[in-house]
Amino acid sequence: MALTKYEKKLAVKTGDTVVVNSGDDKGKKGKVLEVSKSEGKVIVEGINIVTKHVKPRRQGEEGGLIKTEGAFYASKVNVYCAKCDKGVRVSHKVVDGKKIRVCAKCGEEL
């Protein structure tokens, strides 16, 4: 299987706290729930809320409109650094033979 251009470049992982760079939710922080490497998209808790029409699937189940998080491009978010108190780029450092992710600005471990 060939890698897409996004699969090599995603700095965001599931569980990271991120800050949104652009769009209606600009400046908001949230936790990454899901990452789709093949599409280069992420789903962030409480960000990009969309309304979905849901049809009842079983007897007794209710249908209607539900609000849920929608996917958007990972390039619109930066990993949040608590020390810098803003979204930053990710750098890598080798410590004791392990590669760790660090803040590109202050060197704090992410």
Protein backbone atom coordinates (compact mmCIF):
# COMPACT_ATOMS: atom_id res chain seq x y z
CA MET A 1 0.00 0.00 0.00
CA ALA A 2 1.41 3.39 -1.01
CA LEU A 3 1.60 6.19 1.52
CA THR A 4 -0.24 9.41 0.76
CA LYS A 5 1.45 12.75 1.24
CA TYR A 6 -0.34 13.18 4.60
CA GLU A 7 0.73 9.90 6.18
CA LYS A 8 4.34 10.99 6.46
CA LYS A 9 3.70 14.47 7.83
CA LEU A 10 1.05 14.26 10.59
CA ALA A 11 2.44 15.63 13.85
CA VAL A 12 -0.87 15.07 15.67
CA LYS A 13 -1.68 11.85 17.50
CA THR A 14 -4.78 10.54 19.25
CA GLY A 15 -4.99 11.94 22.78
CA ASP A 16 -3.01 15.14 22.04
CA THR A 17 -4.38 18.50 23.13
CA VAL A 18 -4.48 20.81 20.12
CA VAL A 19 -5.29 24.44 19.27
CA VAL A 20 -7.29 25.31 16.14
CA ASN A 21 -5.49 27.77 13.79
CA SER A 22 -8.30 28.76 11.44
CA GLY A 23 -12.02 28.62 10.81
CA ASP A 24 -15.05 29.25 13.03
CA ASP A 25 -13.42 27.52 16.02
CA LYS A 26 -10.11 29.44 15.78
CA GLY A 27 -8.30 29.62 19.13
CA LYS A 28 -10.25 26.78 20.77
CA LYS A 29 -8.47 23.90 22.49
CA GLY A 30 -9.57 20.27 22.45
CA LYS A 31 -8.43 16.68 22.73
CA VAL A 32 -7.88 14.64 19.55
CA LEU A 33 -10.37 11.75 19.47
CA GLU A 34 -9.43 10.23 16.12
CA VAL A 35 -6.77 10.61 13.42
CA SER A 36 -7.23 9.50 9.81
CA LYS A 37 -3.75 9.34 8.30
CA SER A 38 -4.95 8.37 4.83
CA GLU A 39 -7.18 11.47 4.58
CA GLY A 40 -4.95 13.74 6.67
CA LYS A 41 -7.90 14.62 8.92
CA VAL A 42 -8.58 14.72 12.67
CA ILE A 43 -11.65 14.71 14.91
CA VAL A 44 -11.29 16.97 17.97
CA GLU A 45 -13.54 16.91 21.05
CA GLY A 46 -15.96 19.89 21.05
CA ILE A 47 -14.65 21.37 17.78
CA ASN A 48 -16.37 21.52 14.35
CA ILE A 49 -19.80 20.48 15.65
CA VAL A 50 -22.05 19.27 12.82
CA THR A 51 -25.72 18.26 12.80
CA LYS A 52 -26.46 14.79 11.46
CA HIS A 53 -29.81 13.35 10.43
CA VAL A 54 -30.11 9.91 12.02
CA LYS A 55 -32.66 7.31 10.98
CA PRO A 56 -33.91 4.85 13.62
CA ARG A 57 -32.31 1.46 12.96
CA ARG A 58 -34.16 -0.74 15.45
CA GLN A 59 -37.70 -0.79 16.74
CA GLY A 60 -38.05 1.58 19.67
CA GLU A 61 -34.90 3.51 18.77
CA GLU A 62 -35.33 7.22 18.13
CA GLY A 63 -34.17 9.04 15.04
CA GLY A 64 -33.78 12.75 14.53
CA LEU A 65 -31.03 15.33 14.56
CA ILE A 66 -27.89 14.76 16.60
CA LYS A 67 -24.89 17.03 17.07
CA THR A 68 -21.45 15.44 16.74
CA GLU A 69 -17.84 16.37 15.99
CA GLY A 70 -16.90 16.48 12.32
CA ALA A 71 -13.50 15.74 10.77
CA PHE A 72 -11.29 18.50 9.44
CA TYR A 73 -7.76 18.78 8.05
CA ALA A 74 -4.89 18.24 10.49
CA SER A 75 -3.07 21.23 9.00
CA LYS A 76 -5.60 23.47 10.76
CA VAL A 77 -4.37 22.46 14.23
CA ASN A 78 -1.15 22.75 16.22
CA VAL A 79 -0.16 20.68 19.25
CA TYR A 80 -0.69 22.65 22.48
CA CYS A 81 2.31 23.32 24.74
CA ALA A 82 1.36 24.04 28.38
CA LYS A 83 4.64 25.83 29.10
CA CYS A 84 4.33 28.20 26.09
CA ASP A 85 0.50 28.34 26.55
CA LYS A 86 -0.06 28.22 22.78
CA GLY A 87 -0.05 25.94 19.75
CA VAL A 88 3.44 24.98 18.62
CA ARG A 89 5.22 22.83 16.07
CA VAL A 90 6.57 19.46 17.11
CA SER A 91 10.29 18.67 17.15
CA HIS A 92 11.97 15.37 17.99
CA LYS A 93 14.75 14.55 20.41
CA VAL A 94 16.51 11.28 21.22
CA VAL A 95 16.72 10.59 24.98
CA ASP A 96 18.16 7.27 26.27
CA GLY A 97 17.76 5.73 22.82
CA LYS A 98 14.06 6.70 22.59
CA LYS A 99 12.71 9.30 20.19
CA ILE A 100 10.39 11.74 22.00
CA ARG A 101 8.27 14.64 20.78
CA VAL A 102 9.17 18.06 22.15
CA CYS A 103 8.00 21.66 21.69
CA ALA A 104 10.00 23.33 18.92
CA LYS A 105 9.98 26.64 20.86
CA CYS A 106 10.87 25.76 24.47
CA GLY A 107 11.95 22.09 24.35
CA GLU A 108 9.23 20.92 26.77
CA GLU A 109 8.21 17.26 26.31
CA LEU A 110 4.76 16.90 24.74
